[in-house]
Amino acid sequence: MSNITTSQTIGPFPHEAWAWAVELTSRVESSAPQVKISGAILDGDGVPINDAWAEAWLPGSAASETSHAIPGYRRVPTNEEGGFTFSISQPQAPAGKPVAYVTVFARGLVKHQFTAVFLEDDPALAQSALLEQVPADRRDTLIARKQPDGSYLWNIHMQGARETVFFDYI
């Protein structure tokens, strides 16, 4: 018996149907410094979701990616370990704003989820208007941690004790 539910919203079709967006947004052409944010999308039990998708809107990157097919936009599927990586053009520090607004698509979701990611070394992080709206004990779910190689690590937990903060946009 299959473990797929009737509310699976993305099914097997995105891997073929959305491949064009992955191809168009994976090659970043920008003179701005590059930042990599990697992580995994995990279910409530901490199990990697190997058929999810993450989209990122990068408002600070669009102006420096004028030759890019879709400036300031990325779409990536997760791999077998639930992993994803965004390459982000960062012409200047985000100054208290998210480095990316992220939409998550995954099986079992009736509606995709919206979140945001901040960089832990942003000096204006404590003054972020968006983070101020999030309970203090949950803010860390939106912060990517700097790694020794200069990249950032940010996991997305779909539910459970470490659930990532998701936003409602009205």
C-alpha atoms as a PDB file:
ATOM      1  CA  MET A   1       0.000   0.000   0.000  1.00  0.00           C
ATOM      2  CA  SER A   2       1.233   3.492  -0.842  1.00  0.00           C
ATOM      3  CA  ASN A   3       2.042   6.070   1.834  1.00  0.00           C
ATOM      4  CA  ILE A   4       0.922   8.875  -0.478  1.00  0.00           C
ATOM      5  CA  THR A   5      -2.202  10.655   0.726  1.00  0.00           C
ATOM      6  CA  THR A   6      -5.097  12.042  -1.294  1.00  0.00           C
ATOM      7  CA  SER A   7      -4.039  15.535  -0.251  1.00  0.00           C
ATOM      8  CA  GLN A   8      -0.635  15.184  -1.877  1.00  0.00           C
ATOM      9  CA  THR A   9      -0.469  18.424  -3.786  1.00  0.00           C
ATOM     10  CA  ILE A  10       2.653  18.069  -5.840  1.00  0.00           C
ATOM     11  CA  GLY A  11       2.712  14.417  -6.837  1.00  0.00           C
ATOM     12  CA  PRO A  12       5.282  13.159  -9.332  1.00  0.00           C
ATOM     13  CA  PHE A  13       4.657  15.817 -11.967  1.00  0.00           C
ATOM     14  CA  PRO A  14       6.853  18.704 -10.709  1.00  0.00           C
ATOM     15  CA  HIS A  15      10.097  16.892 -11.385  1.00  0.00           C
ATOM     16  CA  GLU A  16       9.295  16.993 -15.079  1.00  0.00           C
ATOM     17  CA  ALA A  17       6.905  19.946 -15.268  1.00  0.00           C
ATOM     18  CA  TRP A  18       9.030  22.340 -13.187  1.00  0.00           C
ATOM     19  CA  ALA A  19      12.412  21.303 -14.554  1.00  0.00           C
ATOM     20  CA  TRP A  20      12.492  24.407 -16.773  1.00  0.00           C
ATOM     21  CA  ALA A  21      12.548  26.695 -13.712  1.00  0.00           C
ATOM     22  CA  VAL A  22      15.324  24.709 -12.054  1.00  0.00           C
ATOM     23  CA  GLU A  23      17.391  24.907 -15.225  1.00  0.00           C
ATOM     24  CA  LEU A  24      16.757  28.643 -15.692  1.00  0.00           C
ATOM     25  CA  THR A  25      17.460  29.599 -12.080  1.00  0.00           C
ATOM     26  CA  SER A  26      20.375  27.302 -11.183  1.00  0.00           C
ATOM     27  CA  ARG A  27      23.025  29.225 -13.127  1.00  0.00           C
ATOM     28  CA  VAL A  28      23.543  32.513 -11.332  1.00  0.00           C
ATOM     29  CA  GLU A  29      25.158  35.256 -13.394  1.00  0.00           C
ATOM     30  CA  SER A  30      26.009  38.172 -11.160  1.00  0.00           C
ATOM     31  CA  SER A  31      28.966  40.361 -10.312  1.00  0.00           C
ATOM     32  CA  ALA A  32      27.768  40.537  -6.691  1.00  0.00           C
ATOM     33  CA  PRO A  33      29.241  38.289  -3.992  1.00  0.00           C
ATOM     34  CA  GLN A  34      27.571  34.881  -3.755  1.00  0.00           C
ATOM     35  CA  VAL A  35      26.090  33.329  -0.614  1.00  0.00           C
ATOM     36  CA  LYS A  36      25.057  29.676  -0.406  1.00  0.00           C
ATOM     37  CA  ILE A  37      22.280  28.540   1.906  1.00  0.00           C
ATOM     38  CA  SER A  38      21.897  24.778   2.209  1.00  0.00           C
ATOM     39  CA  GLY A  39      19.717  22.606   4.370  1.00  0.00           C
ATOM     40  CA  ALA A  40      17.061  19.932   4.357  1.00  0.00           C
ATOM     41  CA  ILE A  41      13.287  19.889   4.453  1.00  0.00           C
ATOM     42  CA  LEU A  42      12.199  17.543   7.239  1.00  0.00           C
ATOM     43  CA  ASP A  43       8.843  16.161   8.357  1.00  0.00           C
ATOM     44  CA  GLY A  44       7.547  16.167  11.937  1.00  0.00           C
ATOM     45  CA  ASP A  45       9.593  13.074  12.806  1.00  0.00           C
ATOM     46  CA  GLY A  46      12.793  14.586  11.413  1.00  0.00           C
ATOM     47  CA  VAL A  47      12.662  12.383   8.313  1.00  0.00           C
ATOM     48  CA  PRO A  48      13.932  14.087   5.136  1.00  0.00           C
ATOM     49  CA  ILE A  49      11.263  14.880   2.531  1.00  0.00           C
ATOM     50  CA  ASN A  50      12.884  13.773  -0.712  1.00  0.00           C
ATOM     51  CA  ASP A  51      10.220  15.056  -3.096  1.00  0.00           C
ATOM     52  CA  ALA A  52       9.628  18.592  -1.825  1.00  0.00           C
ATOM     53  CA  TRP A  53      10.321  21.850  -3.633  1.00  0.00           C
ATOM     54  CA  ALA A  54      11.559  25.186  -2.347  1.00  0.00           C
ATOM     55  CA  GLU A  55      11.208  28.497  -4.154  1.00  0.00           C
ATOM     56  CA  ALA A  56      13.065  31.600  -3.073  1.00  0.00           C
ATOM     57  CA  TRP A  57      12.375  35.236  -3.908  1.00  0.00           C
ATOM     58  CA  LEU A  58      15.506  37.285  -3.328  1.00  0.00           C
ATOM     59  CA  PRO A  59      14.542  40.962  -3.429  1.00  0.00           C
ATOM     60  CA  GLY A  60      18.114  42.124  -2.738  1.00  0.00           C
ATOM     61  CA  SER A  61      19.502  40.054  -5.614  1.00  0.00           C
ATOM     62  CA  ALA A  62      17.237  41.035  -8.508  1.00  0.00           C
ATOM     63  CA  ALA A  63      19.049  44.259  -9.424  1.00  0.00           C
ATOM     64  CA  SER A  64      22.431  42.513  -9.690  1.00  0.00           C
ATOM     65  CA  GLU A  65      21.068  39.680 -11.846  1.00  0.00           C
ATOM     66  CA  THR A  66      19.804  41.577 -14.870  1.00  0.00           C
ATOM     67  CA  SER A  67      21.260  38.995 -17.267  1.00  0.00           C
ATOM     68  CA  HIS A  68      19.711  36.142 -15.247  1.00  0.00           C
ATOM     69  CA  ALA A  69      16.670  34.457 -16.840  1.00  0.00           C
ATOM     70  CA  ILE A  70      14.471  35.220 -13.805  1.00  0.00           C
ATOM     71  CA  PRO A  71      16.317  37.786 -11.655  1.00  0.00           C
ATOM     72  CA  GLY A  72      16.004  37.248  -7.907  1.00  0.00           C
ATOM     73  CA  TYR A  73      14.202  33.904  -8.160  1.00  0.00           C
ATOM     74  CA  ARG A  74      15.246  30.310  -7.482  1.00  0.00           C
ATOM     75  CA  ARG A  75      13.370  27.008  -7.592  1.00  0.00           C
ATOM     76  CA  VAL A  76      15.009  23.823  -6.347  1.00  0.00           C
ATOM     77  CA  PRO A  77      13.815  20.282  -5.675  1.00  0.00           C
ATOM     78  CA  THR A  78      15.050  18.392  -2.634  1.00  0.00           C
ATOM     79  CA  ASN A  79      17.397  15.481  -3.159  1.00  0.00           C
ATOM     80  CA  GLU A  80      17.118  11.967  -1.664  1.00  0.00           C
ATOM     81  CA  GLU A  81      18.281  13.312   1.715  1.00  0.00           C
ATOM     82  CA  GLY A  82      15.734  16.156   1.621  1.00  0.00           C
ATOM     83  CA  GLY A  83      18.584  18.557   0.850  1.00  0.00           C
ATOM     84  CA  PHE A  84      18.449  21.809  -1.073  1.00  0.00           C
ATOM     85  CA  THR A  85      20.845  24.655  -1.865  1.00  0.00           C
ATOM     86  CA  PHE A  86      20.171  28.232  -2.896  1.00  0.00           C
ATOM     87  CA  SER A  87      22.932  30.334  -4.468  1.00  0.00           C
ATOM     88  CA  ILE A  88      22.158  33.943  -3.694  1.00  0.00           C
ATOM     89  CA  SER A  89      23.663  37.112  -5.147  1.00  0.00           C
ATOM     90  CA  GLN A  90      24.154  39.511  -2.284  1.00  0.00           C
ATOM     91  CA  PRO A  91      25.265  42.964  -3.444  1.00  0.00           C
ATOM     92  CA  GLN A  92      24.902  44.300   0.121  1.00  0.00           C
ATOM     93  CA  ALA A  93      24.021  42.981   3.551  1.00  0.00           C
ATOM     94  CA  PRO A  94      20.271  42.481   4.064  1.00  0.00           C
ATOM     95  CA  ALA A  95      20.178  44.922   7.069  1.00  0.00           C
ATOM     96  CA  GLY A  96      17.496  43.326   9.217  1.00  0.00           C
ATOM     97  CA  LYS A  97      15.531  41.896   6.311  1.00  0.00           C
ATOM     98  CA  PRO A  98      15.326  38.306   5.128  1.00  0.00           C
ATOM     99  CA  VAL A  99      17.929  37.322   2.580  1.00  0.00           C
ATOM    100  CA  ALA A 100      15.126  35.285   0.944  1.00  0.00           C
ATOM    101  CA  TYR A 101      11.400  34.693   1.186  1.00  0.00           C
ATOM    102  CA  VAL A 102      10.805  30.969   0.731  1.00  0.00           C
ATOM    103  CA  THR A 103       7.791  28.957  -0.395  1.00  0.00           C
ATOM    104  CA  VAL A 104       7.710  25.224   0.365  1.00  0.00           C
ATOM    105  CA  PHE A 105       5.739  22.668  -1.638  1.00  0.00           C
ATOM    106  CA  ALA A 106       5.569  19.107  -0.325  1.00  0.00           C
ATOM    107  CA  ARG A 107       3.407  16.022  -0.324  1.00  0.00           C
ATOM    108  CA  GLY A 108       0.608  16.148   2.188  1.00  0.00           C
ATOM    109  CA  LEU A 109       0.341  19.929   2.071  1.00  0.00           C
ATOM    110  CA  VAL A 110      -3.045  21.156   0.947  1.00  0.00           C
ATOM    111  CA  LYS A 111      -1.538  24.625   0.632  1.00  0.00           C
ATOM    112  CA  HIS A 112       2.093  25.585   0.158  1.00  0.00           C
ATOM    113  CA  GLN A 113       3.838  27.245   3.114  1.00  0.00           C
ATOM    114  CA  PHE A 114       5.595  30.620   3.295  1.00  0.00           C
ATOM    115  CA  THR A 115       8.636  31.374   5.408  1.00  0.00           C
ATOM    116  CA  ALA A 116      11.748  33.551   5.347  1.00  0.00           C
ATOM    117  CA  VAL A 117      15.433  33.102   6.057  1.00  0.00           C
ATOM    118  CA  PHE A 118      17.818  35.548   7.712  1.00  0.00           C
ATOM    119  CA  LEU A 119      21.606  35.316   8.000  1.00  0.00           C
ATOM    120  CA  GLU A 120      22.890  34.995  11.556  1.00  0.00           C
ATOM    121  CA  ASP A 121      25.701  37.508  11.024  1.00  0.00           C
ATOM    122  CA  ASP A 122      23.381  40.314   9.889  1.00  0.00           C
ATOM    123  CA  PRO A 123      24.230  43.156  12.328  1.00  0.00           C
ATOM    124  CA  ALA A 124      20.671  44.544  12.122  1.00  0.00           C
ATOM    125  CA  LEU A 125      19.016  41.207  12.962  1.00  0.00           C
ATOM    126  CA  ALA A 126      17.916  42.392  16.419  1.00  0.00           C
ATOM    127  CA  GLN A 127      16.013  45.299  14.828  1.00  0.00           C
ATOM    128  CA  SER A 128      14.165  43.249  12.206  1.00  0.00           C
ATOM    129  CA  ALA A 129      10.508  44.274  12.004  1.00  0.00           C
ATOM    130  CA  LEU A 130       9.562  40.833  10.678  1.00  0.00           C
ATOM    131  CA  LEU A 131      11.415  38.911  13.389  1.00  0.00           C
ATOM    132  CA  GLU A 132       9.832  41.119  16.074  1.00  0.00           C
ATOM    133  CA  GLN A 133       6.461  39.632  15.059  1.00  0.00           C
ATOM    134  CA  VAL A 134       7.710  36.120  15.863  1.00  0.00           C
ATOM    135  CA  PRO A 135       7.850  34.843  19.474  1.00  0.00           C
ATOM    136  CA  ALA A 136      11.442  35.128  20.721  1.00  0.00           C
ATOM    137  CA  ASP A 137      11.768  31.377  21.337  1.00  0.00           C
ATOM    138  CA  ARG A 138      10.863  30.591  17.699  1.00  0.00           C
ATOM    139  CA  ARG A 139      12.992  33.169  15.859  1.00  0.00           C
ATOM    140  CA  ASP A 140      15.955  30.828  15.511  1.00  0.00           C
ATOM    141  CA  THR A 141      13.915  28.678  13.088  1.00  0.00           C
ATOM    142  CA  LEU A 142      14.299  31.518  10.571  1.00  0.00           C
ATOM    143  CA  ILE A 143      18.032  32.050  10.969  1.00  0.00           C
ATOM    144  CA  ALA A 144      20.666  30.386   8.791  1.00  0.00           C
ATOM    145  CA  ARG A 145      23.855  29.574  10.720  1.00  0.00           C
ATOM    146  CA  LYS A 146      27.242  30.408   9.214  1.00  0.00           C
ATOM    147  CA  GLN A 147      29.442  27.392   8.523  1.00  0.00           C
ATOM    148  CA  PRO A 148      33.284  27.240   8.570  1.00  0.00           C
ATOM    149  CA  ASP A 149      33.388  27.322   4.750  1.00  0.00           C
ATOM    150  CA  GLY A 150      31.410  30.603   4.640  1.00  0.00           C
ATOM    151  CA  SER A 151      28.126  29.018   3.534  1.00  0.00           C
ATOM    152  CA  TYR A 152      24.999  28.928   5.706  1.00  0.00           C
ATOM    153  CA  LEU A 153      22.941  26.039   7.084  1.00  0.00           C
ATOM    154  CA  TRP A 154      19.166  26.329   7.452  1.00  0.00           C
ATOM    155  CA  ASN A 155      16.835  23.359   7.860  1.00  0.00           C
ATOM    156  CA  ILE A 156      13.096  23.634   7.322  1.00  0.00           C
ATOM    157  CA  HIS A 157      11.026  21.556   9.764  1.00  0.00           C
ATOM    158  CA  MET A 158       7.464  21.179   8.480  1.00  0.00           C
ATOM    159  CA  GLN A 159       6.026  20.374  11.924  1.00  0.00           C
ATOM    160  CA  GLY A 160       6.953  19.133  15.368  1.00  0.00           C
ATOM    161  CA  ALA A 161       8.837  20.654  18.287  1.00  0.00           C
ATOM    162  CA  ARG A 162      11.319  22.469  16.007  1.00  0.00           C
ATOM    163  CA  GLU A 163       8.730  23.523  13.391  1.00  0.00           C
ATOM    164  CA  THR A 164       9.920  26.389  11.223  1.00  0.00           C
ATOM    165  CA  VAL A 165       7.848  29.551  11.517  1.00  0.00           C
ATOM    166  CA  PHE A 166       5.469  29.840   8.569  1.00  0.00           C
ATOM    167  CA  PHE A 167       3.631  33.045   7.703  1.00  0.00           C
ATOM    168  CA  ASP A 168       0.125  33.755   6.471  1.00  0.00           C
ATOM    169  CA  TYR A 169      -0.005  36.314   3.684  1.00  0.00           C
ATOM    170  CA  ILE A 170      -3.306  38.051   3.272  1.00  0.00           C
END
